[in-house]
Amino acid sequence: MDAADRDATGGGAATGGRTPENPRTGTPVGVVEREAASLPGGIGLVVCVALIAAGIALLNGSGTHAPSVVLLVLGVLALAGLTAVAPGQARVVTLFGRYLGTVRTNGLRWLNPFTKRHRVSTRIRNHETETLKVNDADGNPIEMAAVVVWQIADTAEAVFGVDDVVDFVSIQTDTAVRHIAGSFPYDARGEARLSLRENAEEITSRLSAEIADRVQRAGVVVLESRITRLSYAPEIAQAMLRRQQADAIVAARQRLVEGAVGMVRSALDQLAEEDVVDLDEERKAVMVSNLLVVLCSDHATQPVVNTGTLYQ
């Protein structure tokens, strides 16, 4: 096997016996995008017109058919090589099934008229998933949807690596959303762990990284992804809402009690420091009880004036 054969099979010294990697995505590929040979369309158009005009002139001047027909056929074939490339588009060029390269230069270009030119959009595109119903890490059914912003970076991989790059991105995005939704709980409920609702930024970063890893073999780069919908499934939404309300009430009560205890302690300390009144332990207990009732009650308390002693 000579050097050319070794390079063609990926076993030459240039690759060290490994499959070549895509410089844009860093993944092993069989075909990597490269620039296709092309000429400015203006030159090609002038050549085509000149050939057709020479054929017509030769036919009218000499009356000979063979040379004129040859020039006319060459002119028409040359016209078939003219290709317009719009901004945000590229042309993947193949000749009899062999990849020749990609044309990204905008404007009118001229290529081999026998080549096949696949149109590929390199514009930035959005894909929004449907609302997916999945179970979170705790087994609760939730509804989740996301939007991903993506772009084709390698046109050769996008054309030859997958059957349909748009469907590929759609399926892989849905798969990533399902995997992320099932890997984390919807709500941490006070525990020291990541949750979909409370750690949106970090969850979004992980979602972007997973989508990018899944679609990079198709020559696609992920620019951004966001979670657009996150909620409990309708069948458990009311129950989970009541649980969240109960958790909020418990947290508020706990905060209220902590504040009330602090206020009572401050009042007792201040009375003792200023020697306003000398309270024994029983009187302190009564005072603490009364203050806690006043401070922690949901309704306004009704004062009762004691006209006797503290013990009546």
C-alpha atoms as a PDB file:
ATOM      1  CA  MET A   1       0.000   0.000   0.000  1.00  0.00           C
ATOM      2  CA  ASP A   2       1.528   3.339  -1.035  1.00  0.00           C
ATOM      3  CA  ALA A   3       1.376   6.683   0.769  1.00  0.00           C
ATOM      4  CA  ALA A   4      -1.629   7.877  -1.197  1.00  0.00           C
ATOM      5  CA  ASP A   5      -3.605   4.767  -0.282  1.00  0.00           C
ATOM      6  CA  ARG A   6      -2.642   5.091   3.373  1.00  0.00           C
ATOM      7  CA  ASP A   7      -3.753   8.716   3.469  1.00  0.00           C
ATOM      8  CA  ALA A   8      -7.043   7.860   1.789  1.00  0.00           C
ATOM      9  CA  THR A   9      -7.840   5.169   4.354  1.00  0.00           C
ATOM     10  CA  GLY A  10      -6.837   7.276   7.336  1.00  0.00           C
ATOM     11  CA  GLY A  11      -3.787   5.135   8.210  1.00  0.00           C
ATOM     12  CA  GLY A  12      -1.080   7.514   7.040  1.00  0.00           C
ATOM     13  CA  ALA A  13       1.375   9.472   9.124  1.00  0.00           C
ATOM     14  CA  ALA A  14      -0.735  12.603   8.871  1.00  0.00           C
ATOM     15  CA  THR A  15      -3.515  11.090  10.987  1.00  0.00           C
ATOM     16  CA  GLY A  16      -1.469   8.638  13.047  1.00  0.00           C
ATOM     17  CA  GLY A  17      -3.760   5.746  12.137  1.00  0.00           C
ATOM     18  CA  ARG A  18      -6.860   7.550  13.479  1.00  0.00           C
ATOM     19  CA  THR A  19      -9.992   8.760  11.796  1.00  0.00           C
ATOM     20  CA  PRO A  20      -9.585  12.432  10.829  1.00  0.00           C
ATOM     21  CA  GLU A  21     -11.370  14.939  13.037  1.00  0.00           C
ATOM     22  CA  ASN A  22     -13.542  17.843  11.997  1.00  0.00           C
ATOM     23  CA  PRO A  23     -11.681  21.068  12.835  1.00  0.00           C
ATOM     24  CA  ARG A  24     -15.007  22.863  13.416  1.00  0.00           C
ATOM     25  CA  THR A  25     -16.556  20.386  15.857  1.00  0.00           C
ATOM     26  CA  GLY A  26     -13.622  18.134  16.889  1.00  0.00           C
ATOM     27  CA  THR A  27     -15.521  14.920  16.160  1.00  0.00           C
ATOM     28  CA  PRO A  28     -14.303  11.998  14.034  1.00  0.00           C
ATOM     29  CA  VAL A  29     -15.818  12.205  10.582  1.00  0.00           C
ATOM     30  CA  GLY A  30     -15.445  10.640   7.187  1.00  0.00           C
ATOM     31  CA  VAL A  31     -15.981  13.850   5.170  1.00  0.00           C
ATOM     32  CA  VAL A  32     -14.893  17.286   6.362  1.00  0.00           C
ATOM     33  CA  GLU A  33     -15.962  20.509   4.688  1.00  0.00           C
ATOM     34  CA  ARG A  34     -13.421  22.097   2.371  1.00  0.00           C
ATOM     35  CA  GLU A  35     -13.605  24.861  -0.197  1.00  0.00           C
ATOM     36  CA  ALA A  36     -14.648  23.853  -3.705  1.00  0.00           C
ATOM     37  CA  ALA A  37     -12.847  25.185  -6.749  1.00  0.00           C
ATOM     38  CA  SER A  38     -14.955  27.763  -8.566  1.00  0.00           C
ATOM     39  CA  LEU A  39     -14.608  30.789 -10.822  1.00  0.00           C
ATOM     40  CA  PRO A  40     -16.339  34.159 -10.640  1.00  0.00           C
ATOM     41  CA  GLY A  41     -19.662  33.953 -12.394  1.00  0.00           C
ATOM     42  CA  GLY A  42     -18.901  36.949 -14.583  1.00  0.00           C
ATOM     43  CA  ILE A  43     -16.002  35.163 -16.256  1.00  0.00           C
ATOM     44  CA  GLY A  44     -18.069  32.036 -16.783  1.00  0.00           C
ATOM     45  CA  LEU A  45     -20.952  34.046 -18.226  1.00  0.00           C
ATOM     46  CA  VAL A  46     -18.642  35.827 -20.705  1.00  0.00           C
ATOM     47  CA  VAL A  47     -17.180  32.487 -21.830  1.00  0.00           C
ATOM     48  CA  CYS A  48     -20.658  31.000 -22.300  1.00  0.00           C
ATOM     49  CA  VAL A  49     -21.883  33.970 -24.357  1.00  0.00           C
ATOM     50  CA  ALA A  50     -18.700  33.951 -26.424  1.00  0.00           C
ATOM     51  CA  LEU A  51     -19.057  30.246 -27.233  1.00  0.00           C
ATOM     52  CA  ILE A  52     -22.705  30.607 -28.230  1.00  0.00           C
ATOM     53  CA  ALA A  53     -22.023  33.726 -30.282  1.00  0.00           C
ATOM     54  CA  ALA A  54     -19.069  32.045 -32.061  1.00  0.00           C
ATOM     55  CA  GLY A  55     -21.225  29.027 -32.871  1.00  0.00           C
ATOM     56  CA  ILE A  56     -23.990  31.197 -34.315  1.00  0.00           C
ATOM     57  CA  ALA A  57     -21.515  33.290 -36.297  1.00  0.00           C
ATOM     58  CA  LEU A  58     -19.789  30.207 -37.660  1.00  0.00           C
ATOM     59  CA  LEU A  59     -23.122  28.690 -38.641  1.00  0.00           C
ATOM     60  CA  ASN A  60     -24.256  31.848 -40.468  1.00  0.00           C
ATOM     61  CA  GLY A  61     -20.883  32.604 -42.052  1.00  0.00           C
ATOM     62  CA  SER A  62     -19.594  29.296 -43.318  1.00  0.00           C
ATOM     63  CA  GLY A  63     -22.691  27.205 -43.274  1.00  0.00           C
ATOM     64  CA  THR A  64     -20.826  24.301 -41.694  1.00  0.00           C
ATOM     65  CA  HIS A  65     -22.845  22.578 -39.036  1.00  0.00           C
ATOM     66  CA  ALA A  66     -20.427  20.353 -37.111  1.00  0.00           C
ATOM     67  CA  PRO A  67     -18.094  23.032 -35.604  1.00  0.00           C
ATOM     68  CA  SER A  68     -20.967  25.403 -34.906  1.00  0.00           C
ATOM     69  CA  VAL A  69     -23.009  22.700 -33.203  1.00  0.00           C
ATOM     70  CA  VAL A  70     -20.023  21.794 -31.035  1.00  0.00           C
ATOM     71  CA  LEU A  71     -19.580  25.433 -29.975  1.00  0.00           C
ATOM     72  CA  LEU A  72     -23.286  25.824 -29.260  1.00  0.00           C
ATOM     73  CA  VAL A  73     -23.367  22.631 -27.160  1.00  0.00           C
ATOM     74  CA  LEU A  74     -20.290  23.753 -25.220  1.00  0.00           C
ATOM     75  CA  GLY A  75     -21.876  27.140 -24.603  1.00  0.00           C
ATOM     76  CA  VAL A  76     -25.107  25.612 -23.307  1.00  0.00           C
ATOM     77  CA  LEU A  77     -23.205  23.183 -21.089  1.00  0.00           C
ATOM     78  CA  ALA A  78     -21.112  26.026 -19.718  1.00  0.00           C
ATOM     79  CA  LEU A  79     -24.297  27.914 -18.852  1.00  0.00           C
ATOM     80  CA  ALA A  80     -25.316  24.962 -16.675  1.00  0.00           C
ATOM     81  CA  GLY A  81     -22.249  25.592 -14.537  1.00  0.00           C
ATOM     82  CA  LEU A  82     -23.454  29.027 -13.407  1.00  0.00           C
ATOM     83  CA  THR A  83     -24.696  28.956  -9.819  1.00  0.00           C
ATOM     84  CA  ALA A  84     -26.036  31.819  -7.706  1.00  0.00           C
ATOM     85  CA  VAL A  85     -25.148  31.639  -4.012  1.00  0.00           C
ATOM     86  CA  ALA A  86     -27.276  33.864  -1.783  1.00  0.00           C
ATOM     87  CA  PRO A  87     -26.129  35.204   1.608  1.00  0.00           C
ATOM     88  CA  GLY A  88     -26.764  32.654   4.334  1.00  0.00           C
ATOM     89  CA  GLN A  89     -26.526  29.760   1.903  1.00  0.00           C
ATOM     90  CA  ALA A  90     -23.840  27.377   0.631  1.00  0.00           C
ATOM     91  CA  ARG A  91     -23.521  24.834  -2.141  1.00  0.00           C
ATOM     92  CA  VAL A  92     -22.174  21.360  -1.432  1.00  0.00           C
ATOM     93  CA  VAL A  93     -20.609  20.183  -4.706  1.00  0.00           C
ATOM     94  CA  THR A  94     -20.388  16.515  -5.729  1.00  0.00           C
ATOM     95  CA  LEU A  95     -19.233  14.902  -8.952  1.00  0.00           C
ATOM     96  CA  PHE A  96     -20.574  11.408  -9.636  1.00  0.00           C
ATOM     97  CA  GLY A  97     -21.029  10.826  -5.901  1.00  0.00           C
ATOM     98  CA  ARG A  98     -17.640  12.230  -4.879  1.00  0.00           C
ATOM     99  CA  TYR A  99     -17.509  15.234  -2.592  1.00  0.00           C
ATOM    100  CA  LEU A 100     -15.509  18.057  -4.195  1.00  0.00           C
ATOM    101  CA  GLY A 101     -16.043  20.834  -1.685  1.00  0.00           C
ATOM    102  CA  THR A 102     -18.398  23.598  -0.583  1.00  0.00           C
ATOM    103  CA  VAL A 103     -18.962  27.031  -2.097  1.00  0.00           C
ATOM    104  CA  ARG A 104     -19.710  29.684   0.525  1.00  0.00           C
ATOM    105  CA  THR A 105     -18.769  32.774  -1.536  1.00  0.00           C
ATOM    106  CA  ASN A 106     -21.850  34.878  -2.216  1.00  0.00           C
ATOM    107  CA  GLY A 107     -22.812  35.892  -5.721  1.00  0.00           C
ATOM    108  CA  LEU A 108     -22.665  34.254  -9.117  1.00  0.00           C
ATOM    109  CA  ARG A 109     -20.097  31.451  -9.345  1.00  0.00           C
ATOM    110  CA  TRP A 110     -19.125  29.054 -12.110  1.00  0.00           C
ATOM    111  CA  LEU A 111     -18.440  25.383 -11.448  1.00  0.00           C
ATOM    112  CA  ASN A 112     -18.035  22.218 -13.417  1.00  0.00           C
ATOM    113  CA  PRO A 113     -21.420  21.858 -15.213  1.00  0.00           C
ATOM    114  CA  PHE A 114     -21.436  18.102 -14.588  1.00  0.00           C
ATOM    115  CA  THR A 115     -21.409  18.543 -10.805  1.00  0.00           C
ATOM    116  CA  LYS A 116     -24.420  18.327  -8.540  1.00  0.00           C
ATOM    117  CA  ARG A 117     -24.864  21.248  -6.171  1.00  0.00           C
ATOM    118  CA  HIS A 118     -26.798  20.687  -2.930  1.00  0.00           C
ATOM    119  CA  ARG A 119     -28.249  23.837  -1.433  1.00  0.00           C
ATOM    120  CA  VAL A 120     -27.599  24.135   2.317  1.00  0.00           C
ATOM    121  CA  SER A 121     -28.814  26.956   4.542  1.00  0.00           C
ATOM    122  CA  THR A 122     -26.197  28.319   6.948  1.00  0.00           C
ATOM    123  CA  ARG A 123     -28.595  30.767   8.580  1.00  0.00           C
ATOM    124  CA  ILE A 124     -29.323  30.739  12.305  1.00  0.00           C
ATOM    125  CA  ARG A 125     -32.470  28.727  12.997  1.00  0.00           C
ATOM    126  CA  ASN A 126     -34.809  28.143  15.916  1.00  0.00           C
ATOM    127  CA  HIS A 127     -36.404  24.904  16.957  1.00  0.00           C
ATOM    128  CA  GLU A 128     -39.048  24.815  19.672  1.00  0.00           C
ATOM    129  CA  THR A 129     -40.042  21.451  21.042  1.00  0.00           C
ATOM    130  CA  GLU A 130     -43.578  20.453  21.729  1.00  0.00           C
ATOM    131  CA  THR A 131     -44.724  20.356  25.330  1.00  0.00           C
ATOM    132  CA  LEU A 132     -43.296  17.049  26.504  1.00  0.00           C
ATOM    133  CA  LYS A 133     -44.852  15.128  29.377  1.00  0.00           C
ATOM    134  CA  VAL A 134     -42.146  13.327  31.362  1.00  0.00           C
ATOM    135  CA  ASN A 135     -41.394  12.226  34.921  1.00  0.00           C
ATOM    136  CA  ASP A 136     -38.871  14.167  36.961  1.00  0.00           C
ATOM    137  CA  ALA A 137     -36.242  12.560  39.207  1.00  0.00           C
ATOM    138  CA  ASP A 138     -38.859  12.085  41.954  1.00  0.00           C
ATOM    139  CA  GLY A 139     -41.287  10.383  39.590  1.00  0.00           C
ATOM    140  CA  ASN A 140     -43.720  13.307  39.409  1.00  0.00           C
ATOM    141  CA  PRO A 141     -45.258  13.903  35.963  1.00  0.00           C
ATOM    142  CA  ILE A 142     -44.274  17.316  34.612  1.00  0.00           C
ATOM    143  CA  GLU A 143     -44.636  19.211  31.354  1.00  0.00           C
ATOM    144  CA  MET A 144     -41.534  20.744  29.798  1.00  0.00           C
ATOM    145  CA  ALA A 145     -40.659  22.481  26.541  1.00  0.00           C
ATOM    146  CA  ALA A 146     -37.532  24.213  25.260  1.00  0.00           C
ATOM    147  CA  VAL A 147     -36.264  26.254  22.335  1.00  0.00           C
ATOM    148  CA  VAL A 148     -32.818  25.798  20.794  1.00  0.00           C
ATOM    149  CA  VAL A 149     -30.972  28.212  18.496  1.00  0.00           C
ATOM    150  CA  TRP A 150     -28.684  26.347  16.107  1.00  0.00           C
ATOM    151  CA  GLN A 151     -26.663  26.767  12.938  1.00  0.00           C
ATOM    152  CA  ILE A 152     -24.897  24.502  10.450  1.00  0.00           C
ATOM    153  CA  ALA A 153     -21.138  24.892  10.859  1.00  0.00           C
ATOM    154  CA  ASP A 154     -19.960  22.054   8.616  1.00  0.00           C
ATOM    155  CA  THR A 155     -22.029  21.638   5.461  1.00  0.00           C
ATOM    156  CA  ALA A 156     -20.370  18.356   4.473  1.00  0.00           C
ATOM    157  CA  GLU A 157     -21.350  16.643   7.721  1.00  0.00           C
ATOM    158  CA  ALA A 158     -24.849  18.141   7.545  1.00  0.00           C
ATOM    159  CA  VAL A 159     -25.397  16.657   4.070  1.00  0.00           C
ATOM    160  CA  PHE A 160     -23.509  13.363   4.274  1.00  0.00           C
ATOM    161  CA  GLY A 161     -23.577  12.645   8.010  1.00  0.00           C
ATOM    162  CA  VAL A 162     -27.357  12.441   8.480  1.00  0.00           C
ATOM    163  CA  ASP A 163     -30.387  11.905   6.268  1.00  0.00           C
ATOM    164  CA  ASP A 164     -32.188  15.124   7.281  1.00  0.00           C
ATOM    165  CA  VAL A 165     -30.364  17.582   9.503  1.00  0.00           C
ATOM    166  CA  VAL A 166     -33.558  19.409  10.563  1.00  0.00           C
ATOM    167  CA  ASP A 167     -35.271  16.202  11.705  1.00  0.00           C
ATOM    168  CA  PHE A 168     -32.046  15.095  13.369  1.00  0.00           C
ATOM    169  CA  VAL A 169     -31.821  18.303  15.421  1.00  0.00           C
ATOM    170  CA  SER A 170     -35.511  18.043  16.327  1.00  0.00           C
ATOM    171  CA  ILE A 171     -35.283  14.447  17.575  1.00  0.00           C
ATOM    172  CA  GLN A 172     -32.036  14.975  19.460  1.00  0.00           C
ATOM    173  CA  THR A 173     -33.403  18.105  21.130  1.00  0.00           C
ATOM    174  CA  ASP A 174     -36.506  16.249  22.319  1.00  0.00           C
ATOM    175  CA  THR A 175     -34.308  13.444  23.624  1.00  0.00           C
ATOM    176  CA  ALA A 176     -32.073  15.865  25.523  1.00  0.00           C
ATOM    177  CA  VAL A 177     -35.058  17.644  27.082  1.00  0.00           C
ATOM    178  CA  ARG A 178     -36.519  14.328  28.257  1.00  0.00           C
ATOM    179  CA  HIS A 179     -33.168  13.250  29.708  1.00  0.00           C
ATOM    180  CA  ILE A 180     -32.619  16.532  31.581  1.00  0.00           C
ATOM    181  CA  ALA A 181     -36.194  16.552  32.893  1.00  0.00           C
ATOM    182  CA  GLY A 182     -35.803  13.018  34.236  1.00  0.00           C
ATOM    183  CA  SER A 183     -32.429  13.712  35.848  1.00  0.00           C
ATOM    184  CA  PHE A 184     -33.530  16.449  38.256  1.00  0.00           C
ATOM    185  CA  PRO A 185     -36.530  17.001  40.538  1.00  0.00           C
ATOM    186  CA  TYR A 186     -39.014  19.729  39.776  1.00  0.00           C
ATOM    187  CA  ASP A 187     -38.622  21.240  43.245  1.00  0.00           C
ATOM    188  CA  ALA A 188     -35.796  20.677  45.750  1.00  0.00           C
ATOM    189  CA  ARG A 189     -38.201  21.160  48.728  1.00  0.00           C
ATOM    190  CA  GLY A 190     -35.478  22.606  50.924  1.00  0.00           C
ATOM    191  CA  GLU A 191     -32.896  19.928  50.161  1.00  0.00           C
ATOM    192  CA  ALA A 192     -29.378  20.750  48.961  1.00  0.00           C
ATOM    193  CA  ARG A 193     -29.786  19.545  45.368  1.00  0.00           C
ATOM    194  CA  LEU A 194     -30.369  20.998  41.937  1.00  0.00           C
ATOM    195  CA  SER A 195     -33.965  21.381  40.802  1.00  0.00           C
ATOM    196  CA  LEU A 196     -35.590  22.380  37.550  1.00  0.00           C
ATOM    197  CA  ARG A 197     -37.528  25.275  39.072  1.00  0.00           C
ATOM    198  CA  GLU A 198     -34.947  26.760  41.416  1.00  0.00           C
ATOM    199  CA  ASN A 199     -31.754  26.310  39.340  1.00  0.00           C
ATOM    200  CA  ALA A 200     -32.952  27.391  35.903  1.00  0.00           C
ATOM    201  CA  GLU A 201     -29.633  28.869  34.757  1.00  0.00           C
ATOM    202  CA  GLU A 202     -27.551  25.811  35.559  1.00  0.00           C
ATOM    203  CA  ILE A 203     -30.170  23.439  34.164  1.00  0.00           C
ATOM    204  CA  THR A 204     -30.261  25.496  30.958  1.00  0.00           C
ATOM    205  CA  SER A 205     -26.464  25.310  30.662  1.00  0.00           C
ATOM    206  CA  ARG A 206     -26.550  21.535  31.037  1.00  0.00           C
ATOM    207  CA  LEU A 207     -29.338  21.305  28.479  1.00  0.00           C
ATOM    208  CA  SER A 208     -27.337  23.358  25.970  1.00  0.00           C
ATOM    209  CA  ALA A 209     -24.241  21.224  26.517  1.00  0.00           C
ATOM    210  CA  GLU A 210     -26.172  17.973  26.026  1.00  0.00           C
ATOM    211  CA  ILE A 211     -27.909  19.159  22.860  1.00  0.00           C
ATOM    212  CA  ALA A 212     -24.591  20.403  21.453  1.00  0.00           C
ATOM    213  CA  ASP A 213     -22.964  17.044  22.162  1.00  0.00           C
ATOM    214  CA  ARG A 214     -25.788  15.166  20.459  1.00  0.00           C
ATOM    215  CA  VAL A 215     -25.910  17.237  17.239  1.00  0.00           C
ATOM    216  CA  GLN A 216     -22.214  17.973  16.686  1.00  0.00           C
ATOM    217  CA  ARG A 217     -21.816  14.855  14.509  1.00  0.00           C
ATOM    218  CA  ALA A 218     -24.195  16.477  12.027  1.00  0.00           C
ATOM    219  CA  GLY A 219     -21.990  19.561  11.709  1.00  0.00           C
ATOM    220  CA  VAL A 220     -24.364  21.638  13.857  1.00  0.00           C
ATOM    221  CA  VAL A 221     -23.426  24.089  16.601  1.00  0.00           C
ATOM    222  CA  VAL A 222     -25.851  25.160  19.335  1.00  0.00           C
ATOM    223  CA  LEU A 223     -25.813  28.893  20.000  1.00  0.00           C
ATOM    224  CA  GLU A 224     -28.363  28.983  22.817  1.00  0.00           C
ATOM    225  CA  SER A 225     -31.162  27.008  24.414  1.00  0.00           C
ATOM    226  CA  ARG A 226     -33.875  28.028  26.854  1.00  0.00           C
ATOM    227  CA  ILE A 227     -36.635  26.288  28.764  1.00  0.00           C
ATOM    228  CA  THR A 228     -39.917  27.821  27.614  1.00  0.00           C
ATOM    229  CA  ARG A 229     -42.376  25.809  29.709  1.00  0.00           C
ATOM    230  CA  LEU A 230     -42.051  24.044  33.026  1.00  0.00           C
ATOM    231  CA  SER A 231     -44.994  22.942  35.137  1.00  0.00           C
ATOM    232  CA  TYR A 232     -46.560  19.988  36.862  1.00  0.00           C
ATOM    233  CA  ALA A 233     -48.887  17.823  34.795  1.00  0.00           C
ATOM    234  CA  PRO A 234     -52.577  18.792  35.122  1.00  0.00           C
ATOM    235  CA  GLU A 235     -53.497  15.639  37.077  1.00  0.00           C
ATOM    236  CA  ILE A 236     -51.235  16.556  39.995  1.00  0.00           C
ATOM    237  CA  ALA A 237     -51.035  20.330  39.592  1.00  0.00           C
ATOM    238  CA  GLN A 238     -53.653  21.068  42.291  1.00  0.00           C
ATOM    239  CA  ALA A 239     -52.095  18.670  44.796  1.00  0.00           C
ATOM    240  CA  MET A 240     -48.628  20.094  44.220  1.00  0.00           C
ATOM    241  CA  LEU A 241     -49.994  23.631  44.519  1.00  0.00           C
ATOM    242  CA  ARG A 242     -51.484  22.793  47.914  1.00  0.00           C
ATOM    243  CA  ARG A 243     -48.179  21.289  48.992  1.00  0.00           C
ATOM    244  CA  GLN A 244     -46.308  24.397  47.912  1.00  0.00           C
ATOM    245  CA  GLN A 245     -48.811  26.548  49.796  1.00  0.00           C
ATOM    246  CA  ALA A 246     -48.381  24.380  52.893  1.00  0.00           C
ATOM    247  CA  ASP A 247     -44.593  24.668  52.635  1.00  0.00           C
ATOM    248  CA  ALA A 248     -44.920  28.438  52.313  1.00  0.00           C
ATOM    249  CA  ILE A 249     -47.214  28.637  55.352  1.00  0.00           C
ATOM    250  CA  VAL A 250     -44.853  26.515  57.445  1.00  0.00           C
ATOM    251  CA  ALA A 251     -41.883  28.650  56.411  1.00  0.00           C
ATOM    252  CA  ALA A 252     -43.797  31.850  57.219  1.00  0.00           C
ATOM    253  CA  ARG A 253     -44.871  30.483  60.619  1.00  0.00           C
ATOM    254  CA  GLN A 254     -41.313  29.484  61.404  1.00  0.00           C
ATOM    255  CA  ARG A 255     -40.080  32.928  60.502  1.00  0.00           C
ATOM    256  CA  LEU A 256     -42.821  34.532  62.584  1.00  0.00           C
ATOM    257  CA  VAL A 257     -42.016  32.434  65.643  1.00  0.00           C
ATOM    258  CA  GLU A 258     -38.305  33.198  65.351  1.00  0.00           C
ATOM    259  CA  GLY A 259     -39.072  36.914  65.234  1.00  0.00           C
ATOM    260  CA  ALA A 260     -41.498  36.718  68.152  1.00  0.00           C
ATOM    261  CA  VAL A 261     -39.004  34.846  70.332  1.00  0.00           C
ATOM    262  CA  GLY A 262     -36.381  37.455  69.545  1.00  0.00           C
ATOM    263  CA  MET A 263     -38.738  40.293  70.450  1.00  0.00           C
ATOM    264  CA  VAL A 264     -39.718  38.620  73.762  1.00  0.00           C
ATOM    265  CA  ARG A 265     -36.075  38.020  74.661  1.00  0.00           C
ATOM    266  CA  SER A 266     -35.247  41.647  73.861  1.00  0.00           C
ATOM    267  CA  ALA A 267     -38.158  42.870  76.006  1.00  0.00           C
ATOM    268  CA  LEU A 268     -37.128  40.766  79.011  1.00  0.00           C
ATOM    269  CA  ASP A 269     -33.479  41.814  78.705  1.00  0.00           C
ATOM    270  CA  GLN A 270     -34.416  45.473  78.479  1.00  0.00           C
ATOM    271  CA  LEU A 271     -36.723  45.247  81.517  1.00  0.00           C
ATOM    272  CA  ALA A 272     -33.966  43.599  83.521  1.00  0.00           C
ATOM    273  CA  GLU A 273     -31.301  46.126  82.468  1.00  0.00           C
ATOM    274  CA  GLU A 274     -33.427  49.193  83.290  1.00  0.00           C
ATOM    275  CA  ASP A 275     -34.790  47.594  86.478  1.00  0.00           C
ATOM    276  CA  VAL A 276     -38.344  48.547  85.564  1.00  0.00           C
ATOM    277  CA  VAL A 277     -39.946  45.619  87.336  1.00  0.00           C
ATOM    278  CA  ASP A 278     -38.672  42.572  89.158  1.00  0.00           C
ATOM    279  CA  LEU A 279     -40.228  39.454  87.668  1.00  0.00           C
ATOM    280  CA  ASP A 280     -39.897  36.010  89.078  1.00  0.00           C
ATOM    281  CA  GLU A 281     -39.857  32.934  86.882  1.00  0.00           C
ATOM    282  CA  GLU A 282     -43.612  32.425  87.012  1.00  0.00           C
ATOM    283  CA  ARG A 283     -44.321  36.026  86.048  1.00  0.00           C
ATOM    284  CA  LYS A 284     -41.782  35.789  83.227  1.00  0.00           C
ATOM    285  CA  ALA A 285     -43.554  32.695  81.937  1.00  0.00           C
ATOM    286  CA  VAL A 286     -46.897  34.475  81.967  1.00  0.00           C
ATOM    287  CA  MET A 287     -45.412  37.474  80.176  1.00  0.00           C
ATOM    288  CA  VAL A 288     -43.717  35.309  77.550  1.00  0.00           C
ATOM    289  CA  SER A 289     -46.973  33.423  76.949  1.00  0.00           C
ATOM    290  CA  ASN A 290     -48.973  36.626  76.520  1.00  0.00           C
ATOM    291  CA  LEU A 291     -46.414  38.232  74.188  1.00  0.00           C
ATOM    292  CA  LEU A 292     -46.165  35.123  72.003  1.00  0.00           C
ATOM    293  CA  VAL A 293     -49.950  34.962  71.707  1.00  0.00           C
ATOM    294  CA  VAL A 294     -50.076  38.622  70.690  1.00  0.00           C
ATOM    295  CA  LEU A 295     -47.195  38.389  68.205  1.00  0.00           C
ATOM    296  CA  CYS A 296     -48.027  35.040  66.618  1.00  0.00           C
ATOM    297  CA  SER A 297     -51.803  35.291  66.391  1.00  0.00           C
ATOM    298  CA  ASP A 298     -53.450  35.533  62.962  1.00  0.00           C
ATOM    299  CA  HIS A 299     -56.115  37.898  64.326  1.00  0.00           C
ATOM    300  CA  ALA A 300     -55.901  41.069  66.319  1.00  0.00           C
ATOM    301  CA  THR A 301     -55.892  40.368  70.058  1.00  0.00           C
ATOM    302  CA  GLN A 302     -58.369  41.975  72.442  1.00  0.00           C
ATOM    303  CA  PRO A 303     -56.632  43.572  75.438  1.00  0.00           C
ATOM    304  CA  VAL A 304     -57.945  42.735  78.904  1.00  0.00           C
ATOM    305  CA  VAL A 305     -57.254  45.197  81.717  1.00  0.00           C
ATOM    306  CA  ASN A 306     -56.318  43.465  84.966  1.00  0.00           C
ATOM    307  CA  THR A 307     -57.632  45.540  87.927  1.00  0.00           C
ATOM    308  CA  GLY A 308     -56.384  43.102  90.542  1.00  0.00           C
ATOM    309  CA  THR A 309     -52.979  41.543  91.069  1.00  0.00           C
ATOM    310  CA  LEU A 310     -50.817  39.775  88.539  1.00  0.00           C
ATOM    311  CA  TYR A 311     -52.159  36.455  89.801  1.00  0.00           C
ATOM    312  CA  GLN A 312     -55.851  37.323  89.315  1.00  0.00           C
END
